[in-house]
Amino acid sequence: MKRIGVLTLVMFCMALVGLAQTTDEFKPGGRPTMRIFSNYHSTFSDGETASAFELTRVYLGYQHQFSKELFGAVVLDVGDPGVGSLQMTAYVKNAFLRYRKSGFEVNFGMISTTQFKVQEGNWGYRYHEKSLQDEHSFNSSADLGVSVAYQFSEVISADVIVANGEGYKKLQNDSVFRTGFGLTLNPVKKLTGRVYYDFSSKEHTQSSLATFIGYETDQFRLGAEYNKQFNRRFQENQDWEGVSFYGTYHLAKKVKLFARYDKLYSNTLAGEAEAWNLSNDGQTFIAGIEFAPVKGVKLAPRYKGWSPDDSSQPAVSSLYLNCEIRF
């Protein structure tokens, strides 16, 4: 915690210096925010069908611009914990200050992590499907800690994050932190590449490698990623890998087509006949169309299929109508 305390002090000192140097008139201001994720779906598996309405997420927040450089936000994540159809649980997902000036940025508090933030932005459909790493818990989307980023030029930027490592739904109860380093490249205007590596040590060291390449134009965007986690959950030699390919095509001003393919696979330990995480290995197929009839509302009828590597498990197919409402 001493390391985070020092970084916090540095951040606030820099913020004060920045405020003292501000000469242009600035009017502080803030606003409330809200996002709602809901769906209706039917799932087909092994000759059985199940249908349901779901309210999967509600994000309630407030953000405030204190100065040109200093910004703060608080966001509550109200979601279904999976323990009861009528139960919802609230967590503080974000509660942070951000200082940004001249290509330099510091975030402190309950912040968004950086492992798959770029990938999630390129995928673009968080309201109906998390990115591969988020969906399969390669890391949490938010955590308590500090991140520092610097834009060296239009071509290259780098970032460092030191975080709790437990995610925003758990409190830190030890001195083990998760430290990550990222490098983002934009060699040409529409092309983005990123490499990220992090590690966290207990009896064994868990580390993660995340790579991404994406291309975006006014008409379409494409993304591909390869991810690997070594000693997953600090279990020696238990590695898990995943690839994800996705794309979007703008059919009309308010209509988009999208598709995605994920593949997860784990290694086989010495002396074992099957992969250690076989029950979670497999392929996911997603395809659909998104309509944005008015600002702040998105509707997406889509198909999702799961094909497990474990031959004893049935394949699963689902039809969804997803909705996002944003204020």
Protein backbone atom coordinates (compact mmCIF):
# COMPACT_ATOMS: atom_id res chain seq x y z
CA MET A 1 0.00 0.00 0.00
CA LYS A 2 2.99 2.34 0.54
CA ARG A 3 3.70 2.28 -3.20
CA ILE A 4 0.15 3.31 -4.02
CA GLY A 5 0.29 6.02 -1.34
CA VAL A 6 3.41 7.55 -2.88
CA LEU A 7 1.91 7.46 -6.37
CA THR A 8 -1.26 9.10 -5.03
CA LEU A 9 0.74 11.95 -3.48
CA VAL A 10 2.63 12.48 -6.73
CA MET A 11 -0.61 12.58 -8.70
CA PHE A 12 -2.23 15.18 -6.46
CA CYS A 13 0.90 17.34 -6.45
CA MET A 14 0.90 17.30 -10.24
CA ALA A 15 -2.79 18.16 -10.28
CA LEU A 16 -2.23 21.16 -7.99
CA VAL A 17 0.63 22.38 -10.15
CA GLY A 18 -1.56 22.06 -13.21
CA LEU A 19 -4.37 23.99 -11.56
CA ALA A 20 -2.01 26.74 -10.46
CA GLN A 21 -0.76 27.18 -14.02
CA THR A 22 -4.25 27.44 -15.54
CA THR A 23 -4.81 30.92 -16.92
CA ASP A 24 -7.81 30.41 -19.20
CA GLU A 25 -11.23 30.78 -17.64
CA PHE A 26 -12.84 27.41 -16.92
CA LYS A 27 -16.30 26.61 -15.65
CA PRO A 28 -16.49 23.35 -13.64
CA GLY A 29 -19.46 21.11 -14.29
CA GLY A 30 -20.84 17.64 -13.87
CA ARG A 31 -23.71 15.39 -14.83
CA PRO A 32 -25.37 12.12 -13.79
CA THR A 33 -24.99 9.04 -16.00
CA MET A 34 -26.98 5.83 -16.41
CA ARG A 35 -26.71 2.71 -18.59
CA ILE A 36 -29.18 -0.18 -18.59
CA PHE A 37 -28.55 -3.63 -20.13
CA SER A 38 -31.50 -5.97 -20.59
CA ASN A 39 -32.53 -8.83 -22.85
CA TYR A 40 -35.02 -11.51 -23.76
CA HIS A 41 -33.54 -14.84 -24.82
CA SER A 42 -34.34 -18.45 -25.61
CA THR A 43 -31.70 -21.14 -25.10
CA PHE A 44 -31.71 -24.55 -26.79
CA SER A 45 -29.57 -27.43 -25.51
CA ASP A 46 -29.86 -31.22 -25.50
CA GLY A 47 -33.49 -31.12 -26.66
CA GLU A 48 -34.59 -28.62 -24.00
CA THR A 49 -35.62 -24.98 -24.33
CA ALA A 50 -35.51 -22.22 -21.71
CA SER A 51 -36.66 -18.62 -22.17
CA ALA A 52 -36.38 -15.59 -19.89
CA PHE A 53 -36.35 -11.81 -19.58
CA GLU A 54 -33.24 -10.43 -17.89
CA LEU A 55 -32.10 -7.13 -16.45
CA THR A 56 -28.39 -7.90 -16.43
CA ARG A 57 -26.81 -4.55 -15.54
CA VAL A 58 -27.62 -1.04 -14.39
CA TYR A 59 -24.78 1.48 -14.14
CA LEU A 60 -25.62 4.59 -12.09
CA GLY A 61 -23.02 7.31 -11.84
CA TYR A 62 -21.98 10.92 -11.62
CA GLN A 63 -19.01 12.57 -13.30
CA HIS A 64 -17.51 15.99 -12.68
CA GLN A 65 -14.90 18.08 -14.51
CA PHE A 66 -13.13 20.03 -11.75
CA SER A 67 -10.75 21.79 -14.16
CA LYS A 68 -9.40 21.33 -17.67
CA GLU A 69 -7.01 18.73 -16.29
CA LEU A 70 -8.81 17.16 -13.33
CA PHE A 71 -11.82 14.85 -13.74
CA GLY A 72 -13.63 12.56 -11.30
CA ALA A 73 -16.38 9.94 -11.53
CA VAL A 74 -18.33 7.50 -9.38
CA VAL A 75 -20.23 4.55 -10.90
CA LEU A 76 -22.38 1.95 -9.14
CA ASP A 77 -22.74 -1.43 -10.85
CA VAL A 78 -26.10 -3.01 -10.03
CA GLY A 79 -26.25 -6.53 -11.42
CA ASP A 80 -27.50 -10.07 -11.04
CA PRO A 81 -25.00 -12.05 -8.89
CA GLY A 82 -26.45 -15.31 -10.16
CA VAL A 83 -27.78 -16.48 -6.81
CA GLY A 84 -31.44 -15.71 -7.41
CA SER A 85 -33.65 -14.51 -10.22
CA LEU A 86 -35.09 -11.66 -8.15
CA GLN A 87 -31.88 -10.57 -6.43
CA MET A 88 -29.65 -7.68 -7.50
CA THR A 89 -26.38 -6.66 -5.89
CA ALA A 90 -24.71 -3.24 -6.04
CA TYR A 91 -20.94 -2.65 -6.19
CA VAL A 92 -18.85 0.48 -6.55
CA LYS A 93 -17.33 -0.15 -9.98
CA ASN A 94 -15.58 3.19 -10.39
CA ALA A 95 -14.62 5.92 -7.94
CA PHE A 96 -11.58 7.76 -9.23
CA LEU A 97 -9.78 10.97 -10.05
CA ARG A 98 -8.05 11.50 -13.39
CA TYR A 99 -5.39 14.06 -14.18
CA ARG A 100 -4.65 14.59 -17.88
CA LYS A 101 -2.39 17.12 -19.56
CA SER A 102 -0.07 17.25 -22.57
CA GLY A 103 -0.31 13.53 -23.33
CA PHE A 104 0.20 12.52 -19.70
CA GLU A 105 -2.57 10.81 -17.70
CA VAL A 106 -2.88 9.48 -14.15
CA ASN A 107 -5.91 7.63 -12.74
CA PHE A 108 -6.25 6.81 -9.06
CA GLY A 109 -8.94 5.02 -7.05
CA MET A 110 -11.35 2.36 -8.26
CA ILE A 111 -10.23 2.61 -11.88
CA SER A 112 -10.82 0.81 -15.16
CA THR A 113 -8.10 -1.76 -15.80
CA THR A 114 -6.09 -1.63 -19.00
CA GLN A 115 -5.70 -5.30 -19.96
CA PHE A 116 -8.61 -5.43 -22.42
CA LYS A 117 -9.93 -1.86 -22.55
CA VAL A 118 -8.75 -1.28 -26.14
CA GLN A 119 -10.13 -4.65 -27.25
CA GLU A 120 -13.52 -3.97 -25.66
CA GLY A 121 -13.70 -0.62 -27.44
CA ASN A 122 -13.03 -2.23 -30.81
CA TRP A 123 -15.57 -5.02 -30.18
CA GLY A 124 -18.10 -2.34 -29.23
CA TYR A 125 -21.01 -4.43 -27.88
CA ARG A 126 -20.43 -4.71 -24.15
CA TYR A 127 -24.16 -4.45 -23.46
CA HIS A 128 -24.81 -7.90 -24.88
CA GLU A 129 -21.44 -9.68 -24.67
CA LYS A 130 -18.27 -9.01 -22.71
CA SER A 131 -14.91 -9.25 -24.44
CA LEU A 132 -13.22 -12.67 -24.20
CA GLN A 133 -10.90 -11.77 -21.32
CA ASP A 134 -13.67 -10.11 -19.31
CA GLU A 135 -16.15 -12.93 -19.92
CA HIS A 136 -13.69 -15.61 -18.79
CA SER A 137 -12.08 -13.71 -15.89
CA PHE A 138 -8.58 -13.18 -17.26
CA ASN A 139 -8.85 -9.94 -15.29
CA SER A 140 -11.50 -7.70 -13.79
CA SER A 141 -12.73 -4.70 -15.78
CA ALA A 142 -12.10 -2.42 -12.77
CA ASP A 143 -9.88 -2.55 -9.71
CA LEU A 144 -8.49 -0.44 -6.89
CA GLY A 145 -5.15 1.04 -7.86
CA VAL A 146 -3.30 3.62 -9.93
CA SER A 147 -2.50 3.80 -13.65
CA VAL A 148 -0.15 6.08 -15.55
CA ALA A 149 -0.12 6.58 -19.33
CA TYR A 150 1.87 8.76 -21.70
CA GLN A 151 1.28 9.53 -25.37
CA PHE A 152 4.79 9.87 -26.82
CA SER A 153 3.51 10.70 -30.30
CA GLU A 154 0.62 9.97 -32.64
CA VAL A 155 2.24 6.58 -33.25
CA ILE A 156 3.09 5.25 -29.78
CA SER A 157 1.80 5.37 -26.21
CA ALA A 158 2.63 3.37 -23.09
CA ASP A 159 0.91 2.68 -19.80
CA VAL A 160 1.59 1.13 -16.39
CA ILE A 161 -0.95 -0.05 -13.82
CA VAL A 162 -0.53 -1.24 -10.22
CA ALA A 163 -3.76 -2.66 -8.82
CA ASN A 164 -5.25 -4.69 -6.01
CA GLY A 165 -5.55 -7.72 -8.27
CA GLU A 166 -8.83 -8.89 -6.74
CA GLY A 167 -11.23 -6.82 -8.85
CA TYR A 168 -13.84 -4.28 -7.84
CA LYS A 169 -16.06 -6.85 -6.11
CA LYS A 170 -13.39 -7.82 -3.55
CA LEU A 171 -11.35 -5.87 -1.01
CA GLN A 172 -7.58 -6.17 -0.75
CA ASN A 173 -6.63 -8.24 2.28
CA ASP A 174 -2.95 -8.89 1.57
CA SER A 175 0.12 -7.15 0.13
CA VAL A 176 -0.07 -8.88 -3.25
CA PHE A 177 -0.53 -6.49 -6.17
CA ARG A 178 -1.05 -6.97 -9.89
CA THR A 179 1.36 -4.93 -12.02
CA GLY A 180 0.84 -4.46 -15.74
CA PHE A 181 2.62 -2.80 -18.66
CA GLY A 182 1.04 -1.89 -21.99
CA LEU A 183 2.27 -0.55 -25.32
CA THR A 184 -0.10 0.76 -28.00
CA LEU A 185 0.96 1.46 -31.58
CA ASN A 186 -0.84 3.34 -34.37
CA PRO A 187 1.61 2.99 -37.28
CA VAL A 188 -1.00 4.28 -39.73
CA LYS A 189 -4.16 6.25 -39.10
CA LYS A 190 -6.69 3.39 -39.05
CA LEU A 191 -4.53 0.59 -37.64
CA THR A 192 -4.06 -0.13 -33.91
CA GLY A 193 -1.80 -2.70 -32.29
CA ARG A 194 -1.37 -3.38 -28.59
CA VAL A 195 0.71 -5.64 -26.34
CA TYR A 196 0.08 -5.98 -22.60
CA TYR A 197 1.77 -8.05 -19.91
CA ASP A 198 1.09 -8.28 -16.18
CA PHE A 199 2.12 -10.40 -13.22
CA SER A 200 1.12 -11.08 -9.63
CA SER A 201 3.06 -13.31 -7.23
CA LYS A 202 2.06 -15.57 -4.37
CA GLU A 203 3.49 -19.08 -3.97
CA HIS A 204 3.52 -19.16 -7.78
CA THR A 205 3.50 -16.20 -10.16
CA GLN A 206 0.43 -15.71 -12.31
CA SER A 207 1.11 -13.70 -15.45
CA SER A 208 -0.98 -12.63 -18.44
CA LEU A 209 -0.12 -11.78 -22.03
CA ALA A 210 -2.68 -9.94 -24.16
CA THR A 211 -2.09 -8.97 -27.79
CA PHE A 212 -4.43 -7.15 -30.17
CA ILE A 213 -4.59 -5.75 -33.68
CA GLY A 214 -7.50 -3.76 -35.06
CA TYR A 215 -8.42 -1.86 -38.20
CA GLU A 216 -11.26 0.65 -38.46
CA THR A 217 -12.75 2.77 -41.24
CA ASP A 218 -15.99 4.71 -41.55
CA GLN A 219 -17.59 1.63 -43.13
CA PHE A 220 -16.27 -1.27 -41.03
CA ARG A 221 -13.94 -2.35 -38.23
CA LEU A 222 -12.07 -5.58 -37.56
CA GLY A 223 -10.29 -6.89 -34.47
CA ALA A 224 -8.21 -9.92 -33.53
CA GLU A 225 -6.66 -10.85 -30.20
CA TYR A 226 -4.56 -13.59 -28.65
CA ASN A 227 -4.43 -13.99 -24.88
CA LYS A 228 -2.66 -16.37 -22.53
CA GLN A 229 -2.66 -16.64 -18.75
CA PHE A 230 0.16 -18.58 -17.13
CA ASN A 231 -0.34 -20.35 -13.77
CA ARG A 232 -3.98 -19.30 -13.76
CA ARG A 233 -5.19 -18.45 -10.27
CA PHE A 234 -1.66 -19.20 -9.03
CA GLN A 235 -1.88 -22.91 -9.88
CA GLU A 236 1.46 -24.10 -11.23
CA ASN A 237 1.54 -25.02 -14.94
CA GLN A 238 -2.19 -24.47 -15.41
CA ASP A 239 -2.25 -22.19 -18.47
CA TRP A 240 -5.31 -20.97 -20.39
CA GLU A 241 -5.30 -19.45 -23.86
CA GLY A 242 -7.91 -17.72 -25.96
CA VAL A 243 -8.25 -16.13 -29.39
CA SER A 244 -11.03 -13.83 -30.50
CA PHE A 245 -11.91 -12.44 -33.94
CA TYR A 246 -14.69 -9.91 -34.49
CA GLY A 247 -15.98 -7.45 -37.02
CA THR A 248 -18.63 -4.81 -37.64
CA TYR A 249 -20.07 -3.55 -40.92
CA HIS A 250 -22.11 -0.32 -41.12
CA LEU A 251 -25.09 -1.32 -43.21
CA ALA A 252 -26.80 2.06 -42.83
CA LYS A 253 -26.53 5.13 -40.62
CA LYS A 254 -28.32 3.45 -37.70
CA VAL A 255 -27.80 -0.20 -38.59
CA LYS A 256 -24.72 -2.41 -38.05
CA LEU A 257 -23.97 -6.05 -38.74
CA PHE A 258 -21.58 -7.80 -36.34
CA ALA A 259 -19.99 -11.21 -35.88
CA ARG A 260 -17.47 -12.81 -33.52
CA TYR A 261 -15.61 -16.06 -33.01
CA ASP A 262 -13.86 -17.11 -29.75
CA LYS A 263 -11.75 -20.18 -29.04
CA LEU A 264 -10.54 -21.20 -25.56
CA TYR A 265 -8.10 -24.00 -24.82
CA SER A 266 -6.03 -25.17 -21.84
CA ASN A 267 -2.90 -27.32 -21.59
CA THR A 268 -2.71 -30.94 -20.47
CA LEU A 269 -0.69 -31.46 -17.28
CA ALA A 270 1.98 -34.15 -17.01
CA GLY A 271 0.44 -37.53 -16.24
CA GLU A 272 -3.10 -36.41 -17.20
CA ALA A 273 -5.14 -37.61 -20.16
CA GLU A 274 -7.24 -34.46 -20.63
CA ALA A 275 -6.69 -30.71 -20.56
CA TRP A 276 -6.92 -29.37 -17.01
CA ASN A 277 -9.74 -26.93 -17.90
CA LEU A 278 -11.53 -29.08 -20.49
CA SER A 279 -14.98 -28.30 -19.08
CA ASN A 280 -14.50 -24.62 -20.00
CA ASP A 281 -12.63 -25.11 -23.30
CA GLY A 282 -14.54 -24.65 -26.53
CA GLN A 283 -15.77 -22.28 -29.23
CA THR A 284 -18.26 -19.42 -29.20
CA PHE A 285 -20.03 -18.06 -32.29
CA ILE A 286 -21.91 -14.74 -32.27
CA ALA A 287 -23.72 -12.95 -35.10
CA GLY A 288 -26.41 -10.31 -35.22
CA ILE A 289 -27.60 -6.88 -36.23
CA GLU A 290 -27.76 -3.68 -34.18
CA PHE A 291 -30.37 -0.94 -34.57
CA ALA A 292 -29.99 2.51 -32.99
CA PRO A 293 -33.42 4.09 -33.61
CA VAL A 294 -32.76 7.16 -31.43
CA LYS A 295 -29.81 8.53 -29.50
CA GLY A 296 -29.21 6.54 -26.31
CA VAL A 297 -31.10 3.39 -27.37
CA LYS A 298 -29.64 0.28 -29.04
CA LEU A 299 -31.43 -2.96 -29.96
CA ALA A 300 -29.61 -6.11 -31.10
CA PRO A 301 -31.26 -9.37 -32.17
CA ARG A 302 -28.47 -11.97 -32.32
CA TYR A 303 -27.45 -15.60 -32.25
CA LYS A 304 -24.94 -17.11 -29.81
CA GLY A 305 -23.62 -20.65 -30.00
CA TRP A 306 -21.31 -22.60 -27.69
CA SER A 307 -19.50 -25.73 -28.87
CA PRO A 308 -17.62 -27.40 -25.97
CA ASP A 309 -14.41 -29.36 -26.43
CA ASP A 310 -15.67 -31.85 -23.85
CA SER A 311 -17.65 -34.41 -25.87
CA SER A 312 -19.74 -35.28 -22.81
CA GLN A 313 -21.23 -31.76 -22.75
CA PRO A 314 -24.05 -30.69 -25.09
CA ALA A 315 -23.76 -27.78 -27.49
CA VAL A 316 -25.79 -24.69 -26.57
CA SER A 317 -27.58 -22.31 -28.96
CA SER A 318 -29.30 -19.08 -27.91
CA LEU A 319 -31.39 -16.39 -29.59
CA TYR A 320 -31.28 -12.95 -27.95
CA LEU A 321 -32.91 -9.58 -28.22
CA ASN A 322 -30.57 -7.26 -26.32
CA CYS A 323 -31.22 -3.65 -25.37
CA GLU A 324 -29.05 -0.82 -24.09
CA ILE A 325 -30.49 2.43 -22.74
CA ARG A 326 -28.02 5.22 -22.03
CA PHE A 327 -28.60 8.63 -20.44
